[in-house]
Amino acid sequence: MNLLLIDKQGLATYAREELLHDQYHHHVDYVYTFEDFKAKYAVGRYNIVIVDFALEAGVEALKLMDTLDPKQRVIILSASDDYSEHKGCAYCVEHHNRRRLKEPVSIADLANLIKNFDYTTCAHYHE
């Protein structure tokens, strides 16, 4: 599966990227900046985009995907309870194809959501 990972720089992100590739056999492109995201997203076709919502680049990436492909499969990684969709959770579930995992996220939980994305709903719906 082709994945695009927008995450902060550091050892945890590197480990996440490597494990998704080595243990779960996904192709993972990693970006940190919005400019890098735009460049990768323009030329790549990604099954799922994984977004760290705490990053400004992640917020901007969600806005761009909303205009280009609102049904892009997206996994949002976030420690906060803030909605990724300013119109609220119900609107997000109805108009987008997003799931959220609250940090800290185990690689097993992330890999399971990637594998079963189409068979799940956002676990935080109705919170």
C-alpha atoms as a PDB file:
ATOM      1  CA  MET A   1       0.000   0.000   0.000  1.00  0.00           C
ATOM      2  CA  ASN A   2       1.262   3.497  -0.793  1.00  0.00           C
ATOM      3  CA  LEU A   3       1.291   5.751   2.256  1.00  0.00           C
ATOM      4  CA  LEU A   4       2.225   9.393   2.711  1.00  0.00           C
ATOM      5  CA  LEU A   5       3.280  10.263   6.255  1.00  0.00           C
ATOM      6  CA  ILE A   6       3.224  13.880   7.463  1.00  0.00           C
ATOM      7  CA  ASP A   7       4.878  13.810  10.847  1.00  0.00           C
ATOM      8  CA  LYS A   8       7.369  15.612  13.018  1.00  0.00           C
ATOM      9  CA  GLN A   9      11.037  14.895  12.610  1.00  0.00           C
ATOM     10  CA  GLY A  10      12.650  12.519  15.043  1.00  0.00           C
ATOM     11  CA  LEU A  11      13.433   8.989  16.031  1.00  0.00           C
ATOM     12  CA  ALA A  12       9.806   7.979  16.689  1.00  0.00           C
ATOM     13  CA  THR A  13       8.760   9.049  13.203  1.00  0.00           C
ATOM     14  CA  TYR A  14      11.735   7.293  11.640  1.00  0.00           C
ATOM     15  CA  ALA A  15      10.857   4.118  13.549  1.00  0.00           C
ATOM     16  CA  ARG A  16       7.197   4.376  12.481  1.00  0.00           C
ATOM     17  CA  GLU A  17       8.218   4.801   8.856  1.00  0.00           C
ATOM     18  CA  GLU A  18      10.696   1.908   8.941  1.00  0.00           C
ATOM     19  CA  LEU A  19       8.324  -0.487  10.714  1.00  0.00           C
ATOM     20  CA  LEU A  20       5.485   0.237   8.307  1.00  0.00           C
ATOM     21  CA  HIS A  21       7.863  -0.536   5.476  1.00  0.00           C
ATOM     22  CA  ASP A  22       9.850  -3.468   6.873  1.00  0.00           C
ATOM     23  CA  GLN A  23       7.264  -5.345   8.933  1.00  0.00           C
ATOM     24  CA  TYR A  24       4.058  -4.451   7.117  1.00  0.00           C
ATOM     25  CA  HIS A  25       5.459  -4.072   3.570  1.00  0.00           C
ATOM     26  CA  HIS A  26       4.013  -0.648   2.823  1.00  0.00           C
ATOM     27  CA  HIS A  27       5.679   1.935   0.627  1.00  0.00           C
ATOM     28  CA  VAL A  28       6.020   5.028   2.825  1.00  0.00           C
ATOM     29  CA  ASP A  29       6.865   8.533   1.660  1.00  0.00           C
ATOM     30  CA  TYR A  30       7.674  10.844   4.566  1.00  0.00           C
ATOM     31  CA  VAL A  31       7.356  14.636   4.595  1.00  0.00           C
ATOM     32  CA  TYR A  32       7.664  17.248   7.300  1.00  0.00           C
ATOM     33  CA  THR A  33       6.793  20.511   5.542  1.00  0.00           C
ATOM     34  CA  PHE A  34       3.692  21.599   3.663  1.00  0.00           C
ATOM     35  CA  GLU A  35       5.806  22.392   0.603  1.00  0.00           C
ATOM     36  CA  ASP A  36       7.167  18.835   0.592  1.00  0.00           C
ATOM     37  CA  PHE A  37       3.624  17.504   1.032  1.00  0.00           C
ATOM     38  CA  LYS A  38       2.348  19.483  -1.965  1.00  0.00           C
ATOM     39  CA  ALA A  39       5.198  18.216  -4.138  1.00  0.00           C
ATOM     40  CA  LYS A  40       4.676  14.555  -3.168  1.00  0.00           C
ATOM     41  CA  TYR A  41       0.866  14.682  -3.285  1.00  0.00           C
ATOM     42  CA  ALA A  42       0.900  16.287  -6.736  1.00  0.00           C
ATOM     43  CA  VAL A  43       2.803  13.402  -8.315  1.00  0.00           C
ATOM     44  CA  GLY A  44       1.924  10.431  -6.111  1.00  0.00           C
ATOM     45  CA  ARG A  45      -1.217   8.434  -5.650  1.00  0.00           C
ATOM     46  CA  TYR A  46      -1.564   7.443  -2.027  1.00  0.00           C
ATOM     47  CA  ASN A  47      -3.943   4.848  -0.634  1.00  0.00           C
ATOM     48  CA  ILE A  48      -3.792   6.553   2.757  1.00  0.00           C
ATOM     49  CA  VAL A  49      -2.292   9.803   4.018  1.00  0.00           C
ATOM     50  CA  ILE A  50      -1.240   9.770   7.687  1.00  0.00           C
ATOM     51  CA  VAL A  51      -1.267  13.248   9.221  1.00  0.00           C
ATOM     52  CA  ASP A  52       0.116  14.574  12.481  1.00  0.00           C
ATOM     53  CA  PHE A  53      -2.567  17.146  13.237  1.00  0.00           C
ATOM     54  CA  ALA A  54      -0.300  18.981  15.688  1.00  0.00           C
ATOM     55  CA  LEU A  55       1.875  20.170  12.803  1.00  0.00           C
ATOM     56  CA  GLU A  56       0.935  23.257  10.826  1.00  0.00           C
ATOM     57  CA  ALA A  57       1.894  21.269   7.717  1.00  0.00           C
ATOM     58  CA  GLY A  58      -0.667  18.642   8.723  1.00  0.00           C
ATOM     59  CA  VAL A  59      -3.444  21.198   9.101  1.00  0.00           C
ATOM     60  CA  GLU A  60      -2.575  22.777   5.747  1.00  0.00           C
ATOM     61  CA  ALA A  61      -2.374  19.344   4.092  1.00  0.00           C
ATOM     62  CA  LEU A  62      -5.905  18.518   5.285  1.00  0.00           C
ATOM     63  CA  LYS A  63      -7.191  21.779   3.812  1.00  0.00           C
ATOM     64  CA  LEU A  64      -5.544  21.045   0.463  1.00  0.00           C
ATOM     65  CA  MET A  65      -6.851  17.469   0.368  1.00  0.00           C
ATOM     66  CA  ASP A  66     -10.342  18.810   1.123  1.00  0.00           C
ATOM     67  CA  THR A  67     -10.205  20.878  -2.060  1.00  0.00           C
ATOM     68  CA  LEU A  68      -8.551  18.246  -4.279  1.00  0.00           C
ATOM     69  CA  ASP A  69     -10.066  15.012  -2.982  1.00  0.00           C
ATOM     70  CA  PRO A  70     -12.341  15.274   0.068  1.00  0.00           C
ATOM     71  CA  LYS A  71     -12.721  11.476   0.151  1.00  0.00           C
ATOM     72  CA  GLN A  72      -8.969  10.810   0.341  1.00  0.00           C
ATOM     73  CA  ARG A  73      -8.377   8.178   3.019  1.00  0.00           C
ATOM     74  CA  VAL A  74      -6.703   9.962   5.936  1.00  0.00           C
ATOM     75  CA  ILE A  75      -5.524   8.783   9.330  1.00  0.00           C
ATOM     76  CA  ILE A  76      -5.104  11.648  11.767  1.00  0.00           C
ATOM     77  CA  LEU A  77      -2.663  11.249  14.630  1.00  0.00           C
ATOM     78  CA  SER A  78      -3.451  13.638  17.434  1.00  0.00           C
ATOM     79  CA  ALA A  79      -3.024  13.965  21.165  1.00  0.00           C
ATOM     80  CA  SER A  80      -5.668  16.686  21.320  1.00  0.00           C
ATOM     81  CA  ASP A  81      -9.435  16.444  21.155  1.00  0.00           C
ATOM     82  CA  ASP A  82      -9.640  19.187  18.535  1.00  0.00           C
ATOM     83  CA  TYR A  83     -11.654  18.318  15.452  1.00  0.00           C
ATOM     84  CA  SER A  84      -9.777  18.077  12.181  1.00  0.00           C
ATOM     85  CA  GLU A  85     -12.932  19.362  10.518  1.00  0.00           C
ATOM     86  CA  HIS A  86     -14.043  22.772  11.770  1.00  0.00           C
ATOM     87  CA  LYS A  87     -17.700  21.893  11.090  1.00  0.00           C
ATOM     88  CA  GLY A  88     -17.520  19.086  13.646  1.00  0.00           C
ATOM     89  CA  CYS A  89     -17.353  15.349  13.937  1.00  0.00           C
ATOM     90  CA  ALA A  90     -20.680  14.461  12.290  1.00  0.00           C
ATOM     91  CA  TYR A  91     -19.871  16.578   9.231  1.00  0.00           C
ATOM     92  CA  CYS A  92     -16.432  14.964   8.996  1.00  0.00           C
ATOM     93  CA  VAL A  93     -17.861  11.430   9.075  1.00  0.00           C
ATOM     94  CA  GLU A  94     -20.433  12.296   6.413  1.00  0.00           C
ATOM     95  CA  HIS A  95     -18.184  14.257   4.023  1.00  0.00           C
ATOM     96  CA  HIS A  96     -14.679  12.877   4.510  1.00  0.00           C
ATOM     97  CA  ASN A  97     -12.915   9.559   4.738  1.00  0.00           C
ATOM     98  CA  ARG A  98     -10.938  10.155   7.934  1.00  0.00           C
ATOM     99  CA  ARG A  99     -10.085   8.153  11.021  1.00  0.00           C
ATOM    100  CA  ARG A 100      -8.325   9.413  14.130  1.00  0.00           C
ATOM    101  CA  LEU A 101      -5.876   7.678  16.409  1.00  0.00           C
ATOM    102  CA  LYS A 102      -5.065   9.416  19.661  1.00  0.00           C
ATOM    103  CA  GLU A 103      -1.424   9.640  20.611  1.00  0.00           C
ATOM    104  CA  PRO A 104       0.452   7.739  21.758  1.00  0.00           C
ATOM    105  CA  VAL A 105      -0.191   5.338  18.885  1.00  0.00           C
ATOM    106  CA  SER A 106       1.295   1.860  18.781  1.00  0.00           C
ATOM    107  CA  ILE A 107       2.599   0.653  15.444  1.00  0.00           C
ATOM    108  CA  ALA A 108       0.276  -2.366  15.739  1.00  0.00           C
ATOM    109  CA  ASP A 109      -2.799  -0.109  16.098  1.00  0.00           C
ATOM    110  CA  LEU A 110      -1.687   2.021  13.155  1.00  0.00           C
ATOM    111  CA  ALA A 111      -0.984  -1.025  10.975  1.00  0.00           C
ATOM    112  CA  ASN A 112      -4.355  -2.534  11.916  1.00  0.00           C
ATOM    113  CA  LEU A 113      -6.193   0.652  10.959  1.00  0.00           C
ATOM    114  CA  ILE A 114      -4.327   0.834   7.654  1.00  0.00           C
ATOM    115  CA  LYS A 115      -5.240  -2.766   6.870  1.00  0.00           C
ATOM    116  CA  ASN A 116      -8.893  -2.410   7.903  1.00  0.00           C
ATOM    117  CA  PHE A 117      -9.487   1.232   7.017  1.00  0.00           C
ATOM    118  CA  ASP A 118     -12.505   0.624   4.795  1.00  0.00           C
ATOM    119  CA  TYR A 119     -14.153  -1.582   7.423  1.00  0.00           C
ATOM    120  CA  THR A 120     -13.907   0.884  10.293  1.00  0.00           C
ATOM    121  CA  THR A 121     -15.499   4.130  11.335  1.00  0.00           C
ATOM    122  CA  CYS A 122     -13.827   6.892  13.248  1.00  0.00           C
ATOM    123  CA  ALA A 123     -13.422   5.573  16.778  1.00  0.00           C
ATOM    124  CA  HIS A 124     -13.969   9.070  18.164  1.00  0.00           C
ATOM    125  CA  TYR A 125     -17.307   9.680  16.443  1.00  0.00           C
ATOM    126  CA  HIS A 126     -19.909  10.871  18.981  1.00  0.00           C
ATOM    127  CA  GLU A 127     -17.317  11.741  21.642  1.00  0.00           C
END
